[in-house]
Amino acid sequence: MAVVETERHGQILVVRMNRPEALNALNHEMRSLLAETWTAFRRDDGLEVAIFTGSGRGFCAGEDMRESLKDGAPGGRRPAMEDPFMSGALEKPVIAAVNGFAMGGGFMLVERTDLRLAARTAIFEVSEAKRWLLGGYNHGHIANVPYPIAMEMALGFRFSAERFYDIGFLNRVTTPEDLMPEALKMAEHLLTLPPASRVNTVHMMRQMRPEPGADMQRLAAALHDHGAKSDLMESRAAFAAKRKPEFKGWDDPADRYRTPTLNSLKD
């Protein structure tokens, strides 16, 4: 059974992550197959729109923690080939049909799509604050939500589909049974547009999305190094063992009060 399945509906491609026993967590095999699938979709002149979904109770649980522990490194191994969906090279629109949990890296997959539907039972979480030394500071900014909502996202709180719809992160919320029919209706609407208009409009809208500036990205890189690196694997070991993590925080306790700032990075 393939960990990534596809279905063709005329000019529409359904891409389905298929590791239901692991809530479709992103192991190396799935990342590689997704890169191959999105590359083939990009090159196929008979396909114009994709719907991205998952099997079982999860859309995608994000990083495969057990594989990371086995590899001895956080974050998961990336595929050998470029994934045009993740790199931004994919010109064709992608619709998310979020059937269940979208956590961490799974949330980031939803974030990269152009239109988003979710079942009312779906749950979302930006998980970086639980797994790294810096929370997901950029996601609320990219979504253009108010500061307190962006802060809530960055600190790893969970969101229901209804709440994300209310704040404008989702286009539609449906019953689980109506999720794929509604996604197909949305895809079929896109196919009624003149091809150049569809491609150009998607490109233009993507260029207008907010993103952190270069200074903020430099600060984020410094903050990703600010703390005890042992906590990275401890968070994953605790998750895999279903126990409470025992975090160290800082190798030198005084580092807590030496937080990098924009001014310090300019010195």
Protein backbone atom coordinates (compact mmCIF):
# COMPACT_ATOMS: atom_id res chain seq x y z
CA MET A 1 0.00 0.00 0.00
CA ALA A 2 1.56 3.29 -1.13
CA VAL A 3 2.05 5.99 1.52
CA VAL A 4 0.95 8.55 -1.10
CA GLU A 5 -2.05 7.75 -3.29
CA THR A 6 -3.40 9.74 -6.25
CA GLU A 7 -6.68 9.84 -8.16
CA ARG A 8 -7.39 11.65 -11.42
CA HIS A 9 -10.73 13.37 -11.96
CA GLY A 10 -10.31 14.85 -15.41
CA GLN A 11 -7.95 17.81 -14.94
CA ILE A 12 -8.06 17.47 -11.15
CA LEU A 13 -5.53 15.40 -9.19
CA VAL A 14 -6.33 14.20 -5.67
CA VAL A 15 -3.17 13.64 -3.61
CA ARG A 16 -3.80 11.60 -0.46
CA MET A 17 -1.26 10.96 2.30
CA ASN A 18 -1.75 7.37 3.39
CA ARG A 19 -0.16 6.37 6.69
CA PRO A 20 -3.37 6.31 8.76
CA GLU A 21 -1.78 4.24 11.54
CA ALA A 22 0.64 7.16 12.14
CA LEU A 23 -1.84 9.98 11.44
CA ASN A 24 0.04 10.42 8.13
CA ALA A 25 3.23 11.57 9.84
CA LEU A 26 5.93 12.71 7.43
CA ASN A 27 8.61 10.05 7.28
CA HIS A 28 11.36 10.08 4.66
CA GLU A 29 9.45 7.78 2.33
CA MET A 30 6.36 10.00 2.34
CA ARG A 31 8.38 13.19 1.84
CA SER A 32 10.13 11.60 -1.14
CA LEU A 33 6.92 10.33 -2.72
CA LEU A 34 5.23 13.70 -2.24
CA ALA A 35 8.15 15.40 -4.00
CA GLU A 36 7.79 12.94 -6.90
CA THR A 37 4.01 13.39 -7.01
CA TRP A 38 4.10 17.20 -7.03
CA THR A 39 6.84 17.17 -9.69
CA ALA A 40 4.75 14.87 -11.91
CA PHE A 41 1.65 17.04 -11.32
CA ARG A 42 3.59 20.17 -12.28
CA ARG A 43 4.81 18.63 -15.54
CA ASP A 44 1.51 17.02 -16.60
CA ASP A 45 -0.28 19.32 -19.08
CA GLY A 46 -3.48 17.34 -18.55
CA LEU A 47 -3.73 18.33 -14.88
CA GLU A 48 -4.53 21.87 -13.69
CA VAL A 49 -5.72 21.73 -10.05
CA ALA A 50 -4.83 19.50 -7.09
CA ILE A 51 -6.70 18.56 -3.93
CA PHE A 52 -4.44 17.61 -1.00
CA THR A 53 -5.90 15.40 1.74
CA GLY A 54 -5.15 12.52 4.12
CA SER A 55 -6.54 9.13 4.98
CA GLY A 56 -8.02 8.06 8.30
CA ARG A 57 -8.29 10.40 11.30
CA GLY A 58 -5.42 12.66 10.31
CA PHE A 59 -4.56 15.05 7.56
CA CYS A 60 -0.92 14.99 8.71
CA ALA A 61 0.63 14.83 12.18
CA GLY A 62 3.86 16.44 10.97
CA GLU A 63 7.37 15.11 11.65
CA ASP A 64 7.69 11.37 12.26
CA MET A 65 9.20 11.56 15.76
CA ARG A 66 10.14 7.89 15.90
CA GLU A 67 12.09 8.15 12.66
CA SER A 68 13.86 11.27 13.98
CA LEU A 69 14.87 9.38 17.12
CA LYS A 70 16.15 6.50 15.02
CA ASP A 71 18.15 8.94 12.85
CA GLY A 72 19.41 10.82 15.91
CA ALA A 73 18.48 14.22 14.45
CA PRO A 74 15.36 16.42 14.68
CA GLY A 75 13.26 17.64 11.79
CA GLY A 76 13.19 14.61 9.52
CA ARG A 77 15.27 13.82 6.44
CA ARG A 78 14.40 15.81 3.34
CA PRO A 79 13.96 14.14 -0.06
CA ALA A 80 16.83 14.03 -2.53
CA MET A 81 14.79 15.85 -5.19
CA GLU A 82 13.16 19.28 -4.93
CA ASP A 83 9.52 19.31 -3.86
CA PRO A 84 7.92 22.08 -5.97
CA PHE A 85 4.95 22.33 -3.61
CA MET A 86 7.25 23.14 -0.69
CA SER A 87 9.72 25.29 -2.65
CA GLY A 88 7.03 27.47 -4.22
CA ALA A 89 7.93 26.44 -7.78
CA LEU A 90 4.52 24.82 -8.36
CA GLU A 91 2.46 27.20 -10.50
CA LYS A 92 -0.81 25.28 -10.28
CA PRO A 93 -3.34 25.87 -7.46
CA VAL A 94 -3.66 23.38 -4.61
CA ILE A 95 -6.76 23.00 -2.45
CA ALA A 96 -6.42 21.53 1.05
CA ALA A 97 -9.19 19.15 2.15
CA VAL A 98 -8.31 18.76 5.82
CA ASN A 99 -9.97 15.60 7.08
CA GLY A 100 -8.45 15.45 10.57
CA PHE A 101 -5.44 16.44 12.66
CA ALA A 102 -3.09 18.96 10.97
CA MET A 103 -0.19 19.38 13.38
CA GLY A 104 3.31 20.84 13.08
CA GLY A 105 4.61 20.03 9.63
CA GLY A 106 1.08 18.98 8.71
CA PHE A 107 -0.16 22.47 9.54
CA MET A 108 2.60 23.86 7.33
CA LEU A 109 1.33 21.76 4.43
CA VAL A 110 -2.11 23.33 4.83
CA GLU A 111 -0.50 26.76 5.08
CA ARG A 112 1.15 26.32 1.67
CA THR A 113 -2.14 25.61 -0.11
CA ASP A 114 -4.14 28.27 -1.93
CA LEU A 115 -7.69 27.37 -0.83
CA ARG A 116 -8.66 25.40 2.29
CA LEU A 117 -11.61 23.31 3.36
CA ALA A 118 -11.80 21.32 6.60
CA ALA A 119 -14.11 18.86 8.26
CA ARG A 120 -15.68 20.28 11.42
CA THR A 121 -13.83 17.61 13.40
CA ALA A 122 -10.37 18.74 12.16
CA ILE A 123 -7.86 20.04 14.71
CA PHE A 124 -4.92 22.36 13.93
CA GLU A 125 -1.73 23.06 15.86
CA VAL A 126 1.48 24.97 15.13
CA SER A 127 3.82 22.69 17.10
CA GLU A 128 7.27 24.32 16.86
CA ALA A 129 7.15 25.66 20.42
CA LYS A 130 6.85 22.05 21.65
CA ARG A 131 9.68 20.65 19.51
CA TRP A 132 12.24 23.42 18.88
CA LEU A 133 13.90 26.34 20.68
CA LEU A 134 11.63 28.85 18.94
CA GLY A 135 7.88 28.67 18.41
CA GLY A 136 6.15 29.15 15.06
CA TYR A 137 6.55 32.93 15.04
CA ASN A 138 5.90 33.31 11.31
CA HIS A 139 2.65 31.39 10.79
CA GLY A 140 0.24 33.92 12.22
CA HIS A 141 2.08 36.68 10.35
CA ILE A 142 1.76 34.79 7.06
CA ALA A 143 -1.94 34.20 7.80
CA ASN A 144 -2.34 37.92 8.51
CA VAL A 145 -4.21 37.35 11.77
CA PRO A 146 -4.26 39.74 14.78
CA TYR A 147 -1.29 39.71 17.15
CA PRO A 148 -2.91 37.77 20.04
CA ILE A 149 -4.10 35.05 17.65
CA ALA A 150 -0.64 34.87 16.07
CA MET A 151 0.85 34.60 19.58
CA GLU A 152 -1.59 31.81 20.46
CA MET A 153 -0.60 29.94 17.30
CA ALA A 154 3.12 30.45 17.97
CA LEU A 155 2.83 29.08 21.52
CA GLY A 156 1.36 25.77 20.38
CA PHE A 157 -2.31 26.12 21.34
CA ARG A 158 -4.77 23.97 19.40
CA PHE A 159 -7.48 25.39 17.14
CA SER A 160 -10.73 23.86 15.96
CA ALA A 161 -11.75 24.08 12.32
CA GLU A 162 -14.65 26.36 13.28
CA ARG A 163 -12.31 28.79 15.03
CA PHE A 164 -9.89 28.86 12.12
CA TYR A 165 -12.81 29.53 9.79
CA ASP A 166 -13.94 32.41 12.01
CA ILE A 167 -10.50 34.08 11.88
CA GLY A 168 -10.21 33.61 8.11
CA PHE A 169 -7.64 30.81 7.84
CA LEU A 170 -10.13 28.42 6.19
CA ASN A 171 -12.47 29.02 3.24
CA ARG A 172 -15.06 26.37 4.11
CA VAL A 173 -16.00 24.07 6.97
CA THR A 174 -18.06 20.98 6.12
CA THR A 175 -19.22 17.68 7.48
CA PRO A 176 -16.65 14.89 7.01
CA GLU A 177 -18.90 13.33 4.36
CA ASP A 178 -19.12 16.56 2.34
CA LEU A 179 -15.42 17.41 2.49
CA MET A 180 -14.27 15.84 -0.79
CA PRO A 181 -17.43 16.70 -2.78
CA GLU A 182 -17.05 20.35 -1.73
CA ALA A 183 -13.34 20.33 -2.56
CA LEU A 184 -14.11 18.93 -6.01
CA LYS A 185 -16.74 21.66 -6.55
CA MET A 186 -14.14 24.29 -5.71
CA ALA A 187 -11.62 22.68 -8.08
CA GLU A 188 -14.23 22.52 -10.84
CA HIS A 189 -14.90 26.25 -10.43
CA LEU A 190 -11.21 26.96 -10.98
CA LEU A 191 -11.35 24.99 -14.22
CA THR A 192 -14.08 27.33 -15.56
CA LEU A 193 -11.61 30.25 -15.51
CA PRO A 194 -9.44 31.12 -18.52
CA PRO A 195 -6.18 29.18 -17.99
CA ALA A 196 -3.95 32.27 -18.09
CA SER A 197 -6.25 34.09 -15.66
CA ARG A 198 -6.15 31.19 -13.21
CA VAL A 199 -2.37 30.82 -13.35
CA ASN A 200 -1.62 34.56 -13.28
CA THR A 201 -4.07 35.29 -10.47
CA VAL A 202 -2.71 32.51 -8.26
CA HIS A 203 0.82 33.78 -8.90
CA MET A 204 -0.13 37.38 -8.09
CA MET A 205 -1.95 36.48 -4.90
CA ARG A 206 1.01 34.41 -3.70
CA GLN A 207 3.36 37.38 -4.21
CA MET A 208 1.13 39.51 -1.97
CA ARG A 209 1.22 37.17 1.02
CA PRO A 210 2.97 38.64 4.08
CA GLU A 211 6.28 37.15 5.09
CA PRO A 212 8.86 38.04 7.76
CA GLY A 213 11.55 40.44 6.59
CA ALA A 214 15.25 39.65 6.40
CA ASP A 215 15.97 41.16 9.84
CA MET A 216 13.28 39.03 11.46
CA GLN A 217 14.60 35.92 9.76
CA ARG A 218 18.13 36.62 11.04
CA LEU A 219 16.76 37.08 14.55
CA ALA A 220 14.78 33.85 14.25
CA ALA A 221 17.92 31.97 13.18
CA ALA A 222 19.75 33.27 16.27
CA LEU A 223 16.85 32.32 18.55
CA HIS A 224 16.77 28.82 17.08
CA ASP A 225 20.29 28.43 18.56
CA HIS A 226 19.48 30.06 21.90
CA GLY A 227 19.00 27.26 24.41
CA ALA A 228 20.04 23.73 25.30
CA LYS A 229 20.23 21.69 22.09
CA SER A 230 19.59 18.53 24.12
CA ASP A 231 15.98 19.70 24.54
CA LEU A 232 15.37 19.10 20.82
CA MET A 233 15.74 15.33 21.09
CA GLU A 234 14.24 15.26 24.59
CA SER A 235 10.97 16.66 23.24
CA ARG A 236 10.88 13.92 20.61
CA ALA A 237 11.88 11.13 23.01
CA ALA A 238 9.18 12.20 25.47
CA PHE A 239 6.58 12.28 22.68
CA ALA A 240 7.53 8.79 21.48
CA ALA A 241 7.53 7.41 25.04
CA LYS A 242 4.28 9.21 25.92
CA ARG A 243 5.84 10.78 29.00
CA LYS A 244 6.36 14.28 30.32
CA PRO A 245 9.56 15.86 28.92
CA GLU A 246 12.40 16.88 31.24
CA PHE A 247 13.75 20.03 29.64
CA LYS A 248 17.08 21.62 30.55
CA GLY A 249 16.34 25.06 29.08
CA TRP A 250 19.87 26.51 28.83
CA ASP A 251 23.32 24.95 29.13
CA ASP A 252 24.35 28.09 31.06
CA PRO A 253 21.40 29.39 33.17
CA ALA A 254 22.63 32.94 32.60
CA ASP A 255 21.88 32.56 28.89
CA ARG A 256 18.21 33.04 29.75
CA TYR A 257 19.02 36.75 30.16
CA ARG A 258 21.20 37.00 27.04
CA THR A 259 18.43 36.73 24.48
CA PRO A 260 19.54 37.81 20.99
CA THR A 261 17.97 41.04 19.77
CA LEU A 262 17.94 42.89 16.48
CA ASN A 263 20.39 45.42 17.91
CA SER A 264 22.78 42.74 19.21
CA LEU A 265 22.86 41.11 15.76
CA LYS A 266 23.94 44.42 14.23
CA ASP A 267 26.89 44.80 16.60
